Amino acid sequence: MEVKIVKESDTVTAFIKGDIDHHTAKDIRETIDTYVQEKQPKLLNLDFSGVQFMDSSGIGLIMGRYRVMQMLNGSIKVINIPVHIKRLIKLSGLLGLGVVEEGAV
């Protein structure tokens, strides 16, 4: 698992690489939250282009970052979602929150 974070203006993008499961979700969450709390962006992008596997811990990761960004009066988008993860995101109900990149699922 690797997380690379890039800040451009009021946007922070977290590029997640590897698996998101119960073993890795905590470290990913802590890395992103620490950065977001410090920089206070208006938009957090979670770039899933490098995610190879995701279980329900990934849904929890997205939901938790959604809540963090709401508390900061910001928003979140999940972008560049691999085909094999799109179905899980559809089934999770995340589409109703508007956090998934348009046309991605």
PDB file of N, CA and C in Angstrom:
ATOM      1  N   MET A   1       0.843  -1.172   0.000  1.00  0.00           N
ATOM      2  CA  MET A   1       0.000   0.000   0.000  1.00  0.00           C
ATOM      3  C   MET A   1       0.888   1.235   0.000  1.00  0.00           C
ATOM      4  N   GLU A   2       0.512   2.183  -0.817  1.00  0.00           N
ATOM      5  CA  GLU A   2       1.247   3.442  -0.914  1.00  0.00           C
ATOM      6  C   GLU A   2       0.232   4.557  -1.162  1.00  0.00           C
ATOM      7  N   VAL A   3       0.460   5.701  -0.512  1.00  0.00           N
ATOM      8  CA  VAL A   3      -0.373   6.864  -0.741  1.00  0.00           C
ATOM      9  C   VAL A   3       0.538   8.038  -1.064  1.00  0.00           C
ATOM     10  N   LYS A   4       0.331   8.623  -2.227  1.00  0.00           N
ATOM     11  CA  LYS A   4       1.063   9.826  -2.620  1.00  0.00           C
ATOM     12  C   LYS A   4       0.053  10.968  -2.634  1.00  0.00           C
ATOM     13  N   ILE A   5       0.390  12.059  -1.958  1.00  0.00           N
ATOM     14  CA  ILE A   5      -0.542  13.171  -1.855  1.00  0.00           C
ATOM     15  C   ILE A   5       0.037  14.396  -2.559  1.00  0.00           C
ATOM     16  N   VAL A   6      -0.798  15.012  -3.395  1.00  0.00           N
ATOM     17  CA  VAL A   6      -0.406  16.185  -4.163  1.00  0.00           C
ATOM     18  C   VAL A   6      -1.414  17.289  -3.893  1.00  0.00           C
ATOM     19  N   LYS A   7      -0.921  18.495  -3.635  1.00  0.00           N
ATOM     20  CA  LYS A   7      -1.801  19.638  -3.393  1.00  0.00           C
ATOM     21  C   LYS A   7      -1.631  20.647  -4.524  1.00  0.00           C
ATOM     22  N   GLU A   8      -2.750  21.064  -5.100  1.00  0.00           N
ATOM     23  CA  GLU A   8      -2.774  22.114  -6.116  1.00  0.00           C
ATOM     24  C   GLU A   8      -3.873  23.087  -5.737  1.00  0.00           C
ATOM     25  N   SER A   9      -3.504  24.295  -5.391  1.00  0.00           N
ATOM     26  CA  SER A   9      -4.456  25.317  -4.980  1.00  0.00           C
ATOM     27  C   SER A   9      -5.275  24.808  -3.798  1.00  0.00           C
ATOM     28  N   ASP A  10      -6.601  24.753  -3.920  1.00  0.00           N
ATOM     29  CA  ASP A  10      -7.468  24.294  -2.838  1.00  0.00           C
ATOM     30  C   ASP A  10      -7.867  22.832  -2.985  1.00  0.00           C
ATOM     31  N   THR A  11      -7.122  22.086  -3.796  1.00  0.00           N
ATOM     32  CA  THR A  11      -7.445  20.678  -4.045  1.00  0.00           C
ATOM     33  C   THR A  11      -6.286  19.792  -3.609  1.00  0.00           C
ATOM     34  N   VAL A  12      -6.623  18.738  -2.881  1.00  0.00           N
ATOM     35  CA  VAL A  12      -5.652  17.717  -2.501  1.00  0.00           C
ATOM     36  C   VAL A  12      -6.067  16.429  -3.186  1.00  0.00           C
ATOM     37  N   THR A  13      -5.117  15.773  -3.844  1.00  0.00           N
ATOM     38  CA  THR A  13      -5.380  14.485  -4.472  1.00  0.00           C
ATOM     39  C   THR A  13      -4.519  13.431  -3.808  1.00  0.00           C
ATOM     40  N   ALA A  14      -5.169  12.379  -3.329  1.00  0.00           N
ATOM     41  CA  ALA A  14      -4.473  11.244  -2.731  1.00  0.00           C
ATOM     42  C   ALA A  14      -4.485  10.103  -3.742  1.00  0.00           C
ATOM     43  N   PHE A  15      -3.304   9.761  -4.241  1.00  0.00           N
ATOM     44  CA  PHE A  15      -3.148   8.657  -5.186  1.00  0.00           C
ATOM     45  C   PHE A  15      -2.883   7.395  -4.374  1.00  0.00           C
ATOM     46  N   ILE A  16      -3.852   6.489  -4.372  1.00  0.00           N
ATOM     47  CA  ILE A  16      -3.746   5.267  -3.578  1.00  0.00           C
ATOM     48  C   ILE A  16      -3.305   4.137  -4.490  1.00  0.00           C
ATOM     49  N   LYS A  17      -2.274   3.413  -4.045  1.00  0.00           N
ATOM     50  CA  LYS A  17      -1.739   2.313  -4.855  1.00  0.00           C
ATOM     51  C   LYS A  17      -1.696   1.051  -4.007  1.00  0.00           C
ATOM     52  N   GLY A  18      -2.209  -0.031  -4.555  1.00  0.00           N
ATOM     53  CA  GLY A  18      -2.206  -1.303  -3.845  1.00  0.00           C
ATOM     54  C   GLY A  18      -3.602  -1.722  -3.449  1.00  0.00           C
ATOM     55  N   ASP A  19      -3.681  -2.461  -2.343  1.00  0.00           N
ATOM     56  CA  ASP A  19      -4.955  -2.992  -1.858  1.00  0.00           C
ATOM     57  C   ASP A  19      -5.526  -2.110  -0.758  1.00  0.00           C
ATOM     58  N   ILE A  20      -6.851  -2.018  -0.723  1.00  0.00           N
ATOM     59  CA  ILE A  20      -7.540  -1.380   0.394  1.00  0.00           C
ATOM     60  C   ILE A  20      -8.357  -2.469   1.069  1.00  0.00           C
ATOM     61  N   ASP A  21      -7.865  -2.918   2.222  1.00  0.00           N
ATOM     62  CA  ASP A  21      -8.560  -3.935   2.997  1.00  0.00           C
ATOM     63  C   ASP A  21      -8.377  -3.630   4.477  1.00  0.00           C
ATOM     64  N   HIS A  22      -8.818  -4.531   5.338  1.00  0.00           N
ATOM     65  CA  HIS A  22      -8.754  -4.253   6.771  1.00  0.00           C
ATOM     66  C   HIS A  22      -7.318  -4.135   7.282  1.00  0.00           C
ATOM     67  N   HIS A  23      -6.352  -4.638   6.528  1.00  0.00           N
ATOM     68  CA  HIS A  23      -4.946  -4.531   6.928  1.00  0.00           C
ATOM     69  C   HIS A  23      -4.353  -3.156   6.590  1.00  0.00           C
ATOM     70  N   THR A  24      -4.826  -2.540   5.511  1.00  0.00           N
ATOM     71  CA  THR A  24      -4.204  -1.305   5.019  1.00  0.00           C
ATOM     72  C   THR A  24      -5.034  -0.047   5.234  1.00  0.00           C
ATOM     73  N   ALA A  25      -6.335  -0.191   5.443  1.00  0.00           N
ATOM     74  CA  ALA A  25      -7.234   0.969   5.495  1.00  0.00           C
ATOM     75  C   ALA A  25      -6.838   1.961   6.587  1.00  0.00           C
ATOM     76  N   LYS A  26      -6.420   1.476   7.742  1.00  0.00           N
ATOM     77  CA  LYS A  26      -6.064   2.372   8.849  1.00  0.00           C
ATOM     78  C   LYS A  26      -4.900   3.286   8.468  1.00  0.00           C
ATOM     79  N   ASP A  27      -3.856   2.728   7.882  1.00  0.00           N
ATOM     80  CA  ASP A  27      -2.693   3.528   7.480  1.00  0.00           C
ATOM     81  C   ASP A  27      -3.058   4.545   6.396  1.00  0.00           C
ATOM     82  N   ILE A  28      -3.866   4.124   5.434  1.00  0.00           N
ATOM     83  CA  ILE A  28      -4.309   5.036   4.373  1.00  0.00           C
ATOM     84  C   ILE A  28      -5.103   6.182   4.988  1.00  0.00           C
ATOM     85  N   ARG A  29      -6.034   5.833   5.842  1.00  0.00           N
ATOM     86  CA  ARG A  29      -6.892   6.813   6.509  1.00  0.00           C
ATOM     87  C   ARG A  29      -6.050   7.825   7.296  1.00  0.00           C
ATOM     88  N   GLU A  30      -5.118   7.347   8.092  1.00  0.00           N
ATOM     89  CA  GLU A  30      -4.294   8.236   8.916  1.00  0.00           C
ATOM     90  C   GLU A  30      -3.430   9.162   8.061  1.00  0.00           C
ATOM     91  N   THR A  31      -2.871   8.632   6.989  1.00  0.00           N
ATOM     92  CA  THR A  31      -2.038   9.442   6.093  1.00  0.00           C
ATOM     93  C   THR A  31      -2.852  10.570   5.478  1.00  0.00           C
ATOM     94  N   ILE A  32      -4.020  10.229   4.948  1.00  0.00           N
ATOM     95  CA  ILE A  32      -4.865  11.234   4.294  1.00  0.00           C
ATOM     96  C   ILE A  32      -5.398  12.238   5.312  1.00  0.00           C
ATOM     97  N   ASP A  33      -5.903  11.747   6.435  1.00  0.00           N
ATOM     98  CA  ASP A  33      -6.500  12.644   7.427  1.00  0.00           C
ATOM     99  C   ASP A  33      -5.496  13.632   7.998  1.00  0.00           C
ATOM    100  N   THR A  34      -4.283  13.171   8.272  1.00  0.00           N
ATOM    101  CA  THR A  34      -3.254  14.070   8.794  1.00  0.00           C
ATOM    102  C   THR A  34      -2.994  15.202   7.813  1.00  0.00           C
ATOM    103  N   TYR A  35      -2.859  14.860   6.551  1.00  0.00           N
ATOM    104  CA  TYR A  35      -2.581  15.871   5.524  1.00  0.00           C
ATOM    105  C   TYR A  35      -3.758  16.833   5.358  1.00  0.00           C
ATOM    106  N   VAL A  36      -4.956  16.286   5.299  1.00  0.00           N
ATOM    107  CA  VAL A  36      -6.157  17.099   5.093  1.00  0.00           C
ATOM    108  C   VAL A  36      -6.378  18.050   6.279  1.00  0.00           C
ATOM    109  N   GLN A  37      -6.190  17.562   7.490  1.00  0.00           N
ATOM    110  CA  GLN A  37      -6.368  18.416   8.670  1.00  0.00           C
ATOM    111  C   GLN A  37      -5.373  19.577   8.655  1.00  0.00           C
ATOM    112  N   GLU A  38      -4.171  19.311   8.180  1.00  0.00           N
ATOM    113  CA  GLU A  38      -3.131  20.345   8.128  1.00  0.00           C
ATOM    114  C   GLU A  38      -3.388  21.361   7.025  1.00  0.00           C
ATOM    115  N   LYS A  39      -3.759  20.888   5.830  1.00  0.00           N
ATOM    116  CA  LYS A  39      -3.887  21.761   4.651  1.00  0.00           C
ATOM    117  C   LYS A  39      -5.283  22.334   4.454  1.00  0.00           C
ATOM    118  N   GLN A  40      -6.315  21.668   5.005  1.00  0.00           N
ATOM    119  CA  GLN A  40      -7.701  22.121   4.914  1.00  0.00           C
ATOM    120  C   GLN A  40      -8.141  22.486   3.485  1.00  0.00           C
ATOM    121  N   PRO A  41      -8.071  21.533   2.556  1.00  0.00           N
ATOM    122  CA  PRO A  41      -8.472  21.810   1.172  1.00  0.00           C
ATOM    123  C   PRO A  41      -9.990  21.952   1.037  1.00  0.00           C
ATOM    124  N   LYS A  42     -10.411  22.533  -0.066  1.00  0.00           N
ATOM    125  CA  LYS A  42     -11.839  22.615  -0.385  1.00  0.00           C
ATOM    126  C   LYS A  42     -12.318  21.323  -1.053  1.00  0.00           C
ATOM    127  N   LEU A  43     -11.403  20.640  -1.744  1.00  0.00           N
ATOM    128  CA  LEU A  43     -11.741  19.396  -2.435  1.00  0.00           C
ATOM    129  C   LEU A  43     -10.664  18.355  -2.162  1.00  0.00           C
ATOM    130  N   LEU A  44     -11.110  17.147  -1.810  1.00  0.00           N
ATOM    131  CA  LEU A  44     -10.225  15.993  -1.677  1.00  0.00           C
ATOM    132  C   LEU A  44     -10.582  15.002  -2.767  1.00  0.00           C
ATOM    133  N   ASN A  45      -9.633  14.714  -3.640  1.00  0.00           N
ATOM    134  CA  ASN A  45      -9.795  13.669  -4.647  1.00  0.00           C
ATOM    135  C   ASN A  45      -9.117  12.405  -4.147  1.00  0.00           C
ATOM    136  N   LEU A  46      -9.824  11.304  -4.176  1.00  0.00           N
ATOM    137  CA  LEU A  46      -9.228   9.999  -3.911  1.00  0.00           C
ATOM    138  C   LEU A  46      -9.066   9.317  -5.263  1.00  0.00           C
ATOM    139  N   ASP A  47      -7.828   9.226  -5.720  1.00  0.00           N
ATOM    140  CA  ASP A  47      -7.543   8.637  -7.028  1.00  0.00           C
ATOM    141  C   ASP A  47      -7.316   7.136  -6.850  1.00  0.00           C
ATOM    142  N   PHE A  48      -8.220   6.352  -7.407  1.00  0.00           N
ATOM    143  CA  PHE A  48      -8.186   4.897  -7.255  1.00  0.00           C
ATOM    144  C   PHE A  48      -7.519   4.195  -8.435  1.00  0.00           C
ATOM    145  N   SER A  49      -6.862   4.926  -9.308  1.00  0.00           N
ATOM    146  CA  SER A  49      -6.283   4.302 -10.507  1.00  0.00           C
ATOM    147  C   SER A  49      -5.267   3.215 -10.173  1.00  0.00           C
ATOM    148  N   GLY A  50      -4.628   3.277  -9.018  1.00  0.00           N
ATOM    149  CA  GLY A  50      -3.632   2.280  -8.636  1.00  0.00           C
ATOM    150  C   GLY A  50      -4.141   1.235  -7.660  1.00  0.00           C
ATOM    151  N   VAL A  51      -5.449   1.233  -7.400  1.00  0.00           N
ATOM    152  CA  VAL A  51      -6.022   0.267  -6.457  1.00  0.00           C
ATOM    153  C   VAL A  51      -6.267  -1.051  -7.185  1.00  0.00           C
ATOM    154  N   GLN A  52      -5.676  -2.115  -6.650  1.00  0.00           N
ATOM    155  CA  GLN A  52      -5.820  -3.420  -7.286  1.00  0.00           C
ATOM    156  C   GLN A  52      -6.936  -4.251  -6.680  1.00  0.00           C
ATOM    157  N   PHE A  53      -7.195  -4.052  -5.385  1.00  0.00           N
ATOM    158  CA  PHE A  53      -8.234  -4.804  -4.685  1.00  0.00           C
ATOM    159  C   PHE A  53      -8.841  -3.897  -3.616  1.00  0.00           C
ATOM    160  N   MET A  54     -10.150  -4.027  -3.422  1.00  0.00           N
ATOM    161  CA  MET A  54     -10.803  -3.273  -2.367  1.00  0.00           C
ATOM    162  C   MET A  54     -11.945  -4.109  -1.805  1.00  0.00           C
ATOM    163  N   ASP A  55     -12.015  -4.175  -0.471  1.00  0.00           N
ATOM    164  CA  ASP A  55     -13.163  -4.818   0.161  1.00  0.00           C
ATOM    165  C   ASP A  55     -13.994  -3.733   0.840  1.00  0.00           C
ATOM    166  N   SER A  56     -14.863  -4.109   1.757  1.00  0.00           N
ATOM    167  CA  SER A  56     -15.737  -3.126   2.395  1.00  0.00           C
ATOM    168  C   SER A  56     -14.964  -2.073   3.190  1.00  0.00           C
ATOM    169  N   SER A  57     -13.726  -2.355   3.541  1.00  0.00           N
ATOM    170  CA  SER A  57     -12.898  -1.358   4.234  1.00  0.00           C
ATOM    171  C   SER A  57     -12.683  -0.131   3.350  1.00  0.00           C
ATOM    172  N   GLY A  58     -12.672  -0.335   2.055  1.00  0.00           N
ATOM    173  CA  GLY A  58     -12.536   0.783   1.116  1.00  0.00           C
ATOM    174  C   GLY A  58     -13.754   1.684   1.127  1.00  0.00           C
ATOM    175  N   ILE A  59     -14.925   1.086   1.278  1.00  0.00           N
ATOM    176  CA  ILE A  59     -16.156   1.871   1.386  1.00  0.00           C
ATOM    177  C   ILE A  59     -16.095   2.704   2.664  1.00  0.00           C
ATOM    178  N   GLY A  60     -15.651   2.086   3.751  1.00  0.00           N
ATOM    179  CA  GLY A  60     -15.497   2.807   5.009  1.00  0.00           C
ATOM    180  C   GLY A  60     -14.485   3.931   4.901  1.00  0.00           C
ATOM    181  N   LEU A  61     -13.426   3.686   4.159  1.00  0.00           N
ATOM    182  CA  LEU A  61     -12.405   4.714   3.938  1.00  0.00           C
ATOM    183  C   LEU A  61     -13.016   5.921   3.233  1.00  0.00           C
ATOM    184  N   ILE A  62     -13.790   5.680   2.201  1.00  0.00           N
ATOM    185  CA  ILE A  62     -14.437   6.766   1.459  1.00  0.00           C
ATOM    186  C   ILE A  62     -15.431   7.504   2.355  1.00  0.00           C
ATOM    187  N   MET A  63     -16.278   6.745   3.063  1.00  0.00           N
ATOM    188  CA  MET A  63     -17.287   7.362   3.928  1.00  0.00           C
ATOM    189  C   MET A  63     -16.650   8.231   5.017  1.00  0.00           C
ATOM    190  N   GLY A  64     -15.590   7.736   5.612  1.00  0.00           N
ATOM    191  CA  GLY A  64     -14.911   8.497   6.653  1.00  0.00           C
ATOM    192  C   GLY A  64     -14.309   9.785   6.136  1.00  0.00           C
ATOM    193  N   ARG A  65     -13.718   9.737   4.937  1.00  0.00           N
ATOM    194  CA  ARG A  65     -13.137  10.961   4.351  1.00  0.00           C
ATOM    195  C   ARG A  65     -14.255  11.923   3.952  1.00  0.00           C
ATOM    196  N   TYR A  66     -15.401  11.377   3.562  1.00  0.00           N
ATOM    197  CA  TYR A  66     -16.570  12.210   3.268  1.00  0.00           C
ATOM    198  C   TYR A  66     -16.955  13.020   4.508  1.00  0.00           C
ATOM    199  N   ARG A  67     -17.006  12.349   5.661  1.00  0.00           N
ATOM    200  CA  ARG A  67     -17.366  13.035   6.908  1.00  0.00           C
ATOM    201  C   ARG A  67     -16.313  14.076   7.304  1.00  0.00           C
ATOM    202  N   VAL A  68     -15.050  13.727   7.153  1.00  0.00           N
ATOM    203  CA  VAL A  68     -13.973  14.675   7.480  1.00  0.00           C
ATOM    204  C   VAL A  68     -14.095  15.928   6.612  1.00  0.00           C
ATOM    205  N   MET A  69     -14.316  15.730   5.323  1.00  0.00           N
ATOM    206  CA  MET A  69     -14.413  16.883   4.426  1.00  0.00           C
ATOM    207  C   MET A  69     -15.663  17.704   4.706  1.00  0.00           C
ATOM    208  N   GLN A  70     -16.756  17.068   5.110  1.00  0.00           N
ATOM    209  CA  GLN A  70     -17.952  17.819   5.492  1.00  0.00           C
ATOM    210  C   GLN A  70     -17.653  18.718   6.686  1.00  0.00           C
ATOM    211  N   MET A  71     -16.920  18.200   7.669  1.00  0.00           N
ATOM    212  CA  MET A  71     -16.576  18.989   8.850  1.00  0.00           C
ATOM    213  C   MET A  71     -15.689  20.187   8.493  1.00  0.00           C
ATOM    214  N   LEU A  72     -14.926  20.057   7.411  1.00  0.00           N
ATOM    215  CA  LEU A  72     -14.052  21.134   6.958  1.00  0.00           C
ATOM    216  C   LEU A  72     -14.738  22.022   5.914  1.00  0.00           C
ATOM    217  N   ASN A  73     -16.043  21.802   5.713  1.00  0.00           N
ATOM    218  CA  ASN A  73     -16.806  22.527   4.689  1.00  0.00           C
ATOM    219  C   ASN A  73     -16.241  22.319   3.290  1.00  0.00           C
ATOM    220  N   GLY A  74     -15.741  21.118   3.062  1.00  0.00           N
ATOM    221  CA  GLY A  74     -15.195  20.777   1.756  1.00  0.00           C
ATOM    222  C   GLY A  74     -15.967  19.628   1.144  1.00  0.00           C
ATOM    223  N   SER A  75     -15.448  19.112   0.046  1.00  0.00           N
ATOM    224  CA  SER A  75     -16.098  17.992  -0.626  1.00  0.00           C
ATOM    225  C   SER A  75     -15.052  16.966  -1.047  1.00  0.00           C
ATOM    226  N   ILE A  76     -15.546  15.825  -1.478  1.00  0.00           N
ATOM    227  CA  ILE A  76     -14.676  14.707  -1.858  1.00  0.00           C
ATOM    228  C   ILE A  76     -15.176  14.123  -3.171  1.00  0.00           C
ATOM    229  N   LYS A  77     -14.230  13.667  -3.974  1.00  0.00           N
ATOM    230  CA  LYS A  77     -14.552  12.931  -5.201  1.00  0.00           C
ATOM    231  C   LYS A  77     -13.653  11.702  -5.272  1.00  0.00           C
ATOM    232  N   VAL A  78     -14.227  10.589  -5.685  1.00  0.00           N
ATOM    233  CA  VAL A  78     -13.463   9.379  -5.962  1.00  0.00           C
ATOM    234  C   VAL A  78     -13.298   9.337  -7.470  1.00  0.00           C
ATOM    235  N   ILE A  79     -12.051   9.337  -7.924  1.00  0.00           N
ATOM    236  CA  ILE A  79     -11.785   9.454  -9.351  1.00  0.00           C
ATOM    237  C   ILE A  79     -10.947   8.281  -9.863  1.00  0.00           C
ATOM    238  N   ASN A  80     -10.968   8.100 -11.171  1.00  0.00           N
ATOM    239  CA  ASN A  80     -10.153   7.081 -11.852  1.00  0.00           C
ATOM    240  C   ASN A  80     -10.342   5.690 -11.248  1.00  0.00           C
ATOM    241  N   ILE A  81     -11.587   5.270 -11.185  1.00  0.00           N
ATOM    242  CA  ILE A  81     -11.938   4.002 -10.550  1.00  0.00           C
ATOM    243  C   ILE A  81     -11.763   2.846 -11.543  1.00  0.00           C
ATOM    244  N   PRO A  82     -10.961   1.842 -11.178  1.00  0.00           N
ATOM    245  CA  PRO A  82     -10.810   0.681 -12.062  1.00  0.00           C
ATOM    246  C   PRO A  82     -12.142  -0.063 -12.225  1.00  0.00           C
ATOM    247  N   VAL A  83     -12.301  -0.694 -13.356  1.00  0.00           N
ATOM    248  CA  VAL A  83     -13.537  -1.399 -13.691  1.00  0.00           C
ATOM    249  C   VAL A  83     -13.913  -2.409 -12.611  1.00  0.00           C
ATOM    250  N   HIS A  84     -12.947  -3.141 -12.089  1.00  0.00           N
ATOM    251  CA  HIS A  84     -13.257  -4.205 -11.130  1.00  0.00           C
ATOM    252  C   HIS A  84     -13.720  -3.674  -9.770  1.00  0.00           C
ATOM    253  N   ILE A  85     -13.580  -2.381  -9.523  1.00  0.00           N
ATOM    254  CA  ILE A  85     -14.024  -1.799  -8.250  1.00  0.00           C
ATOM    255  C   ILE A  85     -15.354  -1.050  -8.419  1.00  0.00           C
ATOM    256  N   LYS A  86     -15.707  -0.746  -9.645  1.00  0.00           N
ATOM    257  CA  LYS A  86     -16.929   0.018  -9.909  1.00  0.00           C
ATOM    258  C   LYS A  86     -18.175  -0.674  -9.358  1.00  0.00           C
ATOM    259  N   ARG A  87     -18.252  -1.985  -9.476  1.00  0.00           N
ATOM    260  CA  ARG A  87     -19.448  -2.714  -9.024  1.00  0.00           C
ATOM    261  C   ARG A  87     -19.623  -2.590  -7.515  1.00  0.00           C
ATOM    262  N   LEU A  88     -18.559  -2.736  -6.768  1.00  0.00           N
ATOM    263  CA  LEU A  88     -18.618  -2.601  -5.312  1.00  0.00           C
ATOM    264  C   LEU A  88     -19.089  -1.205  -4.914  1.00  0.00           C
ATOM    265  N   ILE A  89     -18.609  -0.206  -5.614  1.00  0.00           N
ATOM    266  CA  ILE A  89     -19.013   1.173  -5.318  1.00  0.00           C
ATOM    267  C   ILE A  89     -20.497   1.369  -5.632  1.00  0.00           C
ATOM    268  N   LYS A  90     -20.953   0.801  -6.748  1.00  0.00           N
ATOM    269  CA  LYS A  90     -22.380   0.891  -7.084  1.00  0.00           C
ATOM    270  C   LYS A  90     -23.243   0.260  -6.003  1.00  0.00           C
ATOM    271  N   LEU A  91     -22.854  -0.928  -5.565  1.00  0.00           N
ATOM    272  CA  LEU A  91     -23.633  -1.660  -4.570  1.00  0.00           C
ATOM    273  C   LEU A  91     -23.621  -0.986  -3.198  1.00  0.00           C
ATOM    274  N   SER A  92     -22.616  -0.192  -2.931  1.00  0.00           N
ATOM    275  CA  SER A  92     -22.451   0.413  -1.605  1.00  0.00           C
ATOM    276  C   SER A  92     -23.406   1.560  -1.327  1.00  0.00           C
ATOM    277  N   GLY A  93     -23.949   2.161  -2.369  1.00  0.00           N
ATOM    278  CA  GLY A  93     -24.806   3.328  -2.181  1.00  0.00           C
ATOM    279  C   GLY A  93     -24.059   4.645  -2.207  1.00  0.00           C
ATOM    280  N   LEU A  94     -22.766   4.622  -2.444  1.00  0.00           N
ATOM    281  CA  LEU A  94     -21.977   5.859  -2.485  1.00  0.00           C
ATOM    282  C   LEU A  94     -22.409   6.802  -3.595  1.00  0.00           C
ATOM    283  N   LEU A  95     -23.015   6.262  -4.628  1.00  0.00           N
ATOM    284  CA  LEU A  95     -23.453   7.125  -5.729  1.00  0.00           C
ATOM    285  C   LEU A  95     -24.446   8.173  -5.251  1.00  0.00           C
ATOM    286  N   GLY A  96     -25.254   7.812  -4.257  1.00  0.00           N
ATOM    287  CA  GLY A  96     -26.242   8.739  -3.714  1.00  0.00           C
ATOM    288  C   GLY A  96     -25.638   9.933  -2.991  1.00  0.00           C
ATOM    289  N   LEU A  97     -24.392   9.801  -2.556  1.00  0.00           N
ATOM    290  CA  LEU A  97     -23.716  10.922  -1.889  1.00  0.00           C
ATOM    291  C   LEU A  97     -23.087  11.893  -2.872  1.00  0.00           C
ATOM    292  N   GLY A  98     -22.995  11.484  -4.125  1.00  0.00           N
ATOM    293  CA  GLY A  98     -22.383  12.341  -5.125  1.00  0.00           C
ATOM    294  C   GLY A  98     -20.878  12.435  -5.015  1.00  0.00           C
ATOM    295  N   VAL A  99     -20.239  11.427  -4.448  1.00  0.00           N
ATOM    296  CA  VAL A  99     -18.791  11.468  -4.256  1.00  0.00           C
ATOM    297  C   VAL A  99     -18.009  10.807  -5.380  1.00  0.00           C
ATOM    298  N   VAL A 100     -18.708  10.124  -6.267  1.00  0.00           N
ATOM    299  CA  VAL A 100     -18.050   9.399  -7.343  1.00  0.00           C
ATOM    300  C   VAL A 100     -17.995  10.269  -8.588  1.00  0.00           C
ATOM    301  N   GLU A 101     -16.830  10.305  -9.218  1.00  0.00           N
ATOM    302  CA  GLU A 101     -16.617  11.078 -10.444  1.00  0.00           C
ATOM    303  C   GLU A 101     -17.715  10.741 -11.446  1.00  0.00           C
ATOM    304  N   GLU A 102     -18.307  11.779 -12.035  1.00  0.00           N
ATOM    305  CA  GLU A 102     -19.375  11.570 -13.017  1.00  0.00           C
ATOM    306  C   GLU A 102     -18.876  10.708 -14.175  1.00  0.00           C
ATOM    307  N   GLY A 103     -19.695   9.775 -14.563  1.00  0.00           N
ATOM    308  CA  GLY A 103     -19.353   8.892 -15.664  1.00  0.00           C
ATOM    309  C   GLY A 103     -18.409   7.774 -15.279  1.00  0.00           C
ATOM    310  N   ALA A 104     -17.972   7.740 -14.024  1.00  0.00           N
ATOM    311  CA  ALA A 104     -16.996   6.731 -13.614  1.00  0.00           C
ATOM    312  C   ALA A 104     -17.641   5.386 -13.345  1.00  0.00           C
ATOM    313  N   VAL A 105     -18.908   5.369 -13.019  1.00  0.00           N
ATOM    314  CA  VAL A 105     -19.544   4.101 -12.669  1.00  0.00           C
ATOM    315  C   VAL A 105     -20.751   3.861 -13.559  1.00  0.00           C
TER     316      VAL A 105
END
